[in-house]
Amino acid sequence: MSTTSLPHSPSSREMRPTASIVMPCYNVADTIEAQLDRILPQIDLTGAELVLVDNNSTDETSRILDELADRPNVVVGSATAGQSVAYARNAGVMLANSDRFLFCDADDLIGANWVDIMTTGLYTHHIVTGRLDAAELNTERQQAGRGDVSQPATFHGLFPLVHGGNMGVTREAWELVGPLDETLGSVEDIEWSLRAKAVGHPIVRLSDAVIHYRYRNRAIDLWHQGLLYGKYRPEIARRAHERLGVRVRRFAGMKSWAWLAINAVRVGQAEMRPQLAWVAGNRVGQVIGSIKSRFCFI
């Protein structure tokens, strides 16, 4: 178990930001301004700072960030040596001036009082995560295709999960658990949750800390995203077996395979293609990942 102490209580004499909100930015010109409209007033109220990390954007994202560079409590940086959310988030932590880090994404929307709720949570806990809401930014059909994301998440019941886009961690816990794994192409938040479990740090869920989560809607984008997610899940299962001594069922995805087999004939229906692409991408990805990691998890 971890022997680290709890974070200190807030002090009126504390000069540093109450929290550093780390937000990776890659080609988010279409969505980031709506997110900024929610974040900036909240950091003004709470004394937090916003750390924006441009990760090789090629659209108007860089211009939008440059316009914020002189704003109080905003730090604008870049991460150009790699291309991944994990890399950009790790780079953002290096720029942070607080001992409490909050993570959100530029294509989602934070909920009311999110900054205050997450920051307050880190005065008494080392790792917190919030609740996802899919209703505000997605259609009913998009929501039906992904299940209920608002419930607490686990990796097949083996350990609880933080969501990388709705996560808070103290500097002390970050240094103990370590940065996000940049060698993974996705699911880096799941792997980080595994390491938190391994060192004995509980993950505390703050149900009032809401992130309005945006799904992709084109079938081709969902296929690529599902494929990427699926490819790295067997590696997480392998590491969980090694570090925790527990094993996820090898054929845990059989219900999804069965659903895919039954509904594949509906690929000609435009409304079904996004969900079919998502499920198929995940399933094919896990087969590829099982071969690559030499650990069966399909």
Protein backbone atom coordinates (compact mmCIF):
# COMPACT_ATOMS: atom_id res chain seq x y z
CA MET A 1 0.00 0.00 0.00
CA SER A 2 1.05 3.58 -0.57
CA THR A 3 2.59 5.36 2.40
CA THR A 4 2.22 8.86 0.99
CA SER A 5 0.45 11.52 3.03
CA LEU A 6 -2.75 13.26 2.03
CA PRO A 7 -2.53 16.61 0.23
CA HIS A 8 -2.31 19.67 2.44
CA SER A 9 -5.41 21.75 3.10
CA PRO A 10 -5.85 24.97 1.11
CA SER A 11 -4.32 28.09 2.59
CA SER A 12 -5.20 31.71 1.95
CA ARG A 13 -1.46 32.35 1.68
CA GLU A 14 -0.98 29.82 -1.11
CA MET A 15 0.33 31.83 -4.05
CA ARG A 16 0.49 29.13 -6.66
CA PRO A 17 -2.60 28.17 -8.70
CA THR A 18 -5.08 26.01 -6.81
CA ALA A 19 -4.92 23.52 -9.68
CA SER A 20 -3.46 23.18 -13.17
CA ILE A 21 -5.96 22.11 -15.83
CA VAL A 22 -4.00 20.29 -18.53
CA MET A 23 -5.68 20.21 -21.93
CA PRO A 24 -3.99 18.65 -24.98
CA CYS A 25 -4.90 20.30 -28.28
CA TYR A 26 -4.65 18.69 -31.70
CA ASN A 27 -6.71 20.13 -34.56
CA VAL A 28 -9.54 21.20 -32.26
CA ALA A 29 -10.34 24.59 -33.80
CA ASP A 30 -13.97 23.54 -34.31
CA THR A 31 -14.58 22.66 -30.66
CA ILE A 32 -12.06 24.33 -28.36
CA GLU A 33 -13.73 27.74 -28.16
CA ALA A 34 -16.90 26.25 -26.66
CA GLN A 35 -14.75 24.46 -24.09
CA LEU A 36 -12.81 27.64 -23.32
CA ASP A 37 -16.08 29.52 -22.76
CA ARG A 38 -16.72 27.12 -19.89
CA ILE A 39 -13.23 26.77 -18.48
CA LEU A 40 -12.01 30.35 -18.38
CA PRO A 41 -14.75 31.68 -16.06
CA GLN A 42 -14.21 28.71 -13.75
CA ILE A 43 -10.46 29.28 -13.42
CA ASP A 44 -11.09 32.94 -12.65
CA LEU A 45 -13.42 31.92 -9.82
CA THR A 46 -11.20 29.21 -8.37
CA GLY A 47 -7.69 30.59 -8.83
CA ALA A 48 -6.69 27.70 -11.05
CA GLU A 49 -4.61 27.89 -14.23
CA LEU A 50 -5.21 26.43 -17.68
CA VAL A 51 -2.30 24.68 -19.39
CA LEU A 52 -2.88 24.35 -23.15
CA VAL A 53 -0.56 22.04 -25.08
CA ASP A 54 -0.50 22.28 -28.87
CA ASN A 55 0.40 18.82 -30.17
CA ASN A 56 1.35 19.52 -33.81
CA SER A 57 -1.95 21.07 -34.89
CA THR A 58 -2.33 21.94 -38.57
CA ASP A 59 -5.64 23.82 -38.44
CA GLU A 60 -6.45 27.12 -36.67
CA THR A 61 -5.79 25.66 -33.21
CA SER A 62 -2.35 27.28 -32.91
CA ARG A 63 -3.76 30.72 -33.70
CA ILE A 64 -6.48 30.35 -31.08
CA LEU A 65 -3.93 29.32 -28.46
CA ASP A 66 -1.56 32.16 -29.37
CA GLU A 67 -4.36 34.65 -28.69
CA LEU A 68 -4.61 33.30 -25.13
CA ALA A 69 -0.90 33.32 -24.36
CA ASP A 70 -0.94 36.69 -22.55
CA ARG A 71 -4.05 35.96 -20.52
CA PRO A 72 -3.56 35.66 -16.73
CA ASN A 73 -3.65 32.09 -15.43
CA VAL A 74 -3.20 30.60 -18.90
CA VAL A 75 -0.03 28.74 -19.93
CA VAL A 76 0.40 27.91 -23.61
CA GLY A 77 3.01 25.36 -24.60
CA SER A 78 3.73 22.92 -27.39
CA ALA A 79 4.64 19.26 -27.65
CA THR A 80 6.18 18.62 -31.06
CA ALA A 81 8.46 15.61 -30.64
CA GLY A 82 5.60 13.11 -30.74
CA GLN A 83 1.92 12.73 -31.51
CA SER A 84 -0.32 11.32 -28.80
CA VAL A 85 -2.65 12.36 -26.02
CA ALA A 86 -0.36 10.71 -23.47
CA TYR A 87 2.64 12.68 -24.70
CA ALA A 88 0.73 15.97 -24.72
CA ARG A 89 -0.67 15.42 -21.23
CA ASN A 90 2.73 14.52 -19.85
CA ALA A 91 4.16 17.66 -21.43
CA GLY A 92 1.39 19.70 -19.84
CA VAL A 93 2.24 18.39 -16.39
CA MET A 94 5.82 19.56 -16.91
CA LEU A 95 4.48 23.09 -17.51
CA ALA A 96 2.08 23.07 -14.56
CA ASN A 97 2.65 25.43 -11.63
CA SER A 98 0.33 23.71 -9.16
CA ASP A 99 0.63 20.48 -7.18
CA ARG A 100 -2.83 19.40 -8.33
CA PHE A 101 -3.43 18.40 -11.95
CA LEU A 102 -6.82 18.20 -13.66
CA PHE A 103 -7.19 16.71 -17.13
CA CYS A 104 -9.87 17.43 -19.71
CA ASP A 105 -10.09 17.47 -23.50
CA ALA A 106 -10.65 20.27 -25.98
CA ASP A 107 -13.47 18.50 -27.84
CA ASP A 108 -15.59 17.93 -24.72
CA LEU A 109 -17.33 20.38 -22.38
CA ILE A 110 -16.79 20.64 -18.64
CA GLY A 111 -19.88 20.75 -16.46
CA ALA A 112 -20.94 23.34 -13.93
CA ASN A 113 -18.37 23.85 -11.13
CA TRP A 114 -16.17 21.08 -12.52
CA VAL A 115 -12.92 22.86 -11.67
CA ASP A 116 -14.01 23.58 -8.08
CA ILE A 117 -15.35 20.07 -7.46
CA MET A 118 -12.24 18.34 -8.80
CA THR A 119 -9.85 20.72 -7.04
CA THR A 120 -11.65 20.36 -3.73
CA GLY A 121 -11.54 16.58 -4.14
CA LEU A 122 -7.76 16.73 -4.39
CA TYR A 123 -7.48 18.39 -0.98
CA THR A 124 -8.59 15.11 0.62
CA HIS A 125 -7.76 12.47 -2.01
CA HIS A 126 -4.80 11.78 -4.26
CA ILE A 127 -6.66 10.55 -7.37
CA VAL A 128 -10.16 11.52 -8.43
CA THR A 129 -12.26 10.99 -11.51
CA GLY A 130 -15.64 12.32 -12.50
CA ARG A 131 -18.75 11.28 -14.37
CA LEU A 132 -19.21 11.30 -18.13
CA ASP A 133 -22.41 12.54 -19.71
CA ALA A 134 -23.08 11.71 -23.36
CA ALA A 135 -26.53 13.31 -23.69
CA GLU A 136 -25.56 16.94 -24.33
CA LEU A 137 -23.22 16.45 -27.29
CA ASN A 138 -24.54 13.30 -28.96
CA THR A 139 -27.72 11.98 -30.55
CA GLU A 140 -29.77 9.23 -28.96
CA ARG A 141 -28.55 6.77 -31.59
CA GLN A 142 -24.92 7.65 -30.88
CA GLN A 143 -25.53 7.09 -27.19
CA ALA A 144 -27.24 3.74 -27.78
CA GLY A 145 -24.27 2.56 -29.78
CA ARG A 146 -21.80 3.07 -26.93
CA GLY A 147 -23.75 2.01 -23.85
CA ASP A 148 -24.12 3.93 -20.59
CA VAL A 149 -20.84 5.79 -20.03
CA SER A 150 -22.13 7.58 -16.94
CA GLN A 151 -21.58 4.59 -14.66
CA PRO A 152 -18.33 3.93 -12.72
CA ALA A 153 -15.91 2.11 -15.00
CA THR A 154 -13.62 -0.84 -14.30
CA PHE A 155 -11.35 -2.95 -16.47
CA HIS A 156 -13.54 -6.06 -16.60
CA GLY A 157 -14.02 -5.87 -12.85
CA LEU A 158 -10.29 -6.16 -12.08
CA PHE A 159 -9.57 -2.55 -11.09
CA PRO A 160 -11.35 0.84 -11.21
CA LEU A 161 -10.60 3.32 -13.96
CA VAL A 162 -9.98 7.01 -14.27
CA HIS A 163 -11.12 8.60 -17.49
CA GLY A 164 -8.21 10.46 -19.06
CA GLY A 165 -10.47 13.36 -19.98
CA ASN A 166 -12.00 13.66 -16.50
CA MET A 167 -9.19 12.99 -14.06
CA GLY A 168 -7.47 14.72 -11.15
CA VAL A 169 -4.24 13.74 -9.42
CA THR A 170 -1.88 15.30 -6.90
CA ARG A 171 1.74 15.82 -7.87
CA GLU A 172 2.74 13.38 -5.14
CA ALA A 173 0.59 10.61 -6.62
CA TRP A 174 1.69 11.46 -10.17
CA GLU A 175 5.33 11.07 -9.18
CA LEU A 176 4.61 7.76 -7.43
CA VAL A 177 2.48 6.20 -10.17
CA GLY A 178 4.50 7.75 -12.98
CA PRO A 179 3.49 9.60 -16.16
CA LEU A 180 1.16 8.24 -18.80
CA ASP A 181 2.70 5.50 -20.94
CA GLU A 182 3.60 7.11 -24.26
CA THR A 183 4.43 3.76 -25.87
CA LEU A 184 0.74 2.87 -26.03
CA GLY A 185 -1.29 4.20 -28.93
CA SER A 186 -4.45 4.46 -26.81
CA VAL A 187 -6.02 3.35 -23.49
CA GLU A 188 -3.16 5.03 -21.64
CA ASP A 189 -5.61 6.04 -18.90
CA ILE A 190 -6.51 2.38 -18.35
CA GLU A 191 -2.85 1.45 -18.03
CA TRP A 192 -2.29 4.36 -15.61
CA SER A 193 -5.25 3.14 -13.53
CA LEU A 194 -3.61 -0.29 -13.36
CA ARG A 195 -0.40 1.22 -11.98
CA ALA A 196 -2.38 3.27 -9.45
CA LYS A 197 -4.01 0.06 -8.27
CA ALA A 198 -0.63 -1.69 -8.10
CA VAL A 199 0.87 0.96 -5.78
CA GLY A 200 -2.23 1.04 -3.59
CA HIS A 201 -3.72 4.41 -4.51
CA PRO A 202 -7.55 4.34 -4.52
CA ILE A 203 -9.46 6.14 -7.25
CA VAL A 204 -12.26 8.26 -5.81
CA ARG A 205 -15.23 9.02 -8.05
CA LEU A 206 -16.83 12.45 -7.76
CA SER A 207 -20.24 12.02 -9.36
CA ASP A 208 -20.91 15.78 -9.48
CA ALA A 209 -17.77 16.44 -11.55
CA VAL A 210 -19.33 16.06 -14.99
CA ILE A 211 -17.69 16.11 -18.39
CA HIS A 212 -20.00 16.27 -21.40
CA TYR A 213 -18.32 13.74 -23.66
CA ARG A 214 -18.33 13.99 -27.46
CA TYR A 215 -18.44 10.88 -29.63
CA ARG A 216 -17.14 10.67 -33.14
CA ASN A 217 -19.96 10.19 -35.62
CA ARG A 218 -18.47 9.07 -38.94
CA ALA A 219 -18.25 5.32 -39.42
CA ILE A 220 -14.68 5.50 -40.71
CA ASP A 221 -13.54 7.50 -37.68
CA LEU A 222 -15.25 5.08 -35.31
CA TRP A 223 -13.63 2.14 -37.09
CA HIS A 224 -10.14 3.61 -36.65
CA GLN A 225 -10.81 4.61 -33.04
CA GLY A 226 -12.24 1.19 -32.17
CA LEU A 227 -9.33 -0.54 -33.89
CA LEU A 228 -6.84 1.53 -31.89
CA TYR A 229 -8.59 0.91 -28.58
CA GLY A 230 -8.87 -2.80 -29.26
CA LYS A 231 -5.22 -3.24 -30.24
CA TYR A 232 -3.93 -2.22 -26.82
CA ARG A 233 -6.45 -3.85 -24.49
CA PRO A 234 -4.72 -7.28 -24.61
CA GLU A 235 -1.49 -5.58 -23.51
CA ILE A 236 -3.35 -4.08 -20.53
CA ALA A 237 -4.75 -7.52 -19.71
CA ARG A 238 -1.25 -8.99 -19.88
CA ARG A 239 0.17 -6.33 -17.57
CA ALA A 240 -2.71 -6.78 -15.12
CA HIS A 241 -1.91 -10.49 -14.98
CA GLU A 242 1.74 -9.75 -14.29
CA ARG A 243 1.30 -6.91 -11.78
CA LEU A 244 -1.87 -7.90 -9.95
CA GLY A 245 -1.88 -11.65 -10.42
CA VAL A 246 -5.40 -11.59 -11.87
CA ARG A 247 -6.56 -12.66 -15.27
CA VAL A 248 -9.42 -11.35 -17.37
CA ARG A 249 -11.44 -13.96 -19.23
CA ARG A 250 -9.79 -14.78 -22.54
CA PHE A 251 -13.04 -14.61 -24.48
CA ALA A 252 -14.67 -11.74 -22.61
CA GLY A 253 -15.79 -10.17 -25.88
CA MET A 254 -17.91 -13.04 -27.14
CA LYS A 255 -21.20 -11.14 -26.68
CA SER A 256 -19.85 -8.38 -28.90
CA TRP A 257 -18.73 -10.93 -31.50
CA ALA A 258 -22.21 -12.48 -31.44
CA TRP A 259 -23.88 -9.07 -31.81
CA LEU A 260 -21.59 -8.27 -34.73
CA ALA A 261 -22.38 -11.57 -36.46
CA ILE A 262 -26.13 -11.04 -36.08
CA ASN A 263 -26.13 -7.42 -37.22
CA ALA A 264 -23.49 -7.50 -39.96
CA VAL A 265 -26.25 -7.91 -42.56
CA ARG A 266 -27.47 -4.41 -41.61
CA VAL A 267 -24.31 -2.70 -42.87
CA GLY A 268 -26.33 -1.26 -45.74
CA GLN A 269 -28.40 0.78 -43.26
CA ALA A 270 -26.75 4.17 -42.82
CA GLU A 271 -27.96 4.52 -39.23
CA MET A 272 -26.30 1.22 -38.26
CA ARG A 273 -22.92 1.74 -39.88
CA PRO A 274 -21.34 3.85 -37.10
CA GLN A 275 -22.17 1.30 -34.39
CA LEU A 276 -21.10 -1.61 -36.59
CA ALA A 277 -17.83 0.16 -37.39
CA TRP A 278 -17.15 0.80 -33.68
CA VAL A 279 -17.81 -2.78 -32.58
CA ALA A 280 -15.98 -4.33 -35.54
CA GLY A 281 -12.97 -2.08 -35.00
CA ASN A 282 -12.74 -3.07 -31.36
CA ARG A 283 -13.06 -6.78 -32.09
CA VAL A 284 -10.53 -6.81 -34.93
CA GLY A 285 -8.18 -4.65 -32.88
CA GLN A 286 -8.26 -7.06 -29.96
CA VAL A 287 -7.38 -9.97 -32.25
CA ILE A 288 -4.40 -8.01 -33.59
CA GLY A 289 -3.44 -6.96 -30.07
CA SER A 290 -3.67 -10.51 -28.74
CA ILE A 291 -1.23 -11.67 -31.40
CA LYS A 292 1.11 -8.74 -30.82
CA SER A 293 1.18 -9.07 -27.02
CA ARG A 294 1.07 -12.88 -27.10
CA PHE A 295 -1.78 -12.76 -24.63
CA CYS A 296 -5.22 -13.99 -25.67
CA PHE A 297 -7.95 -11.48 -24.91
CA ILE A 298 -10.64 -11.30 -27.59
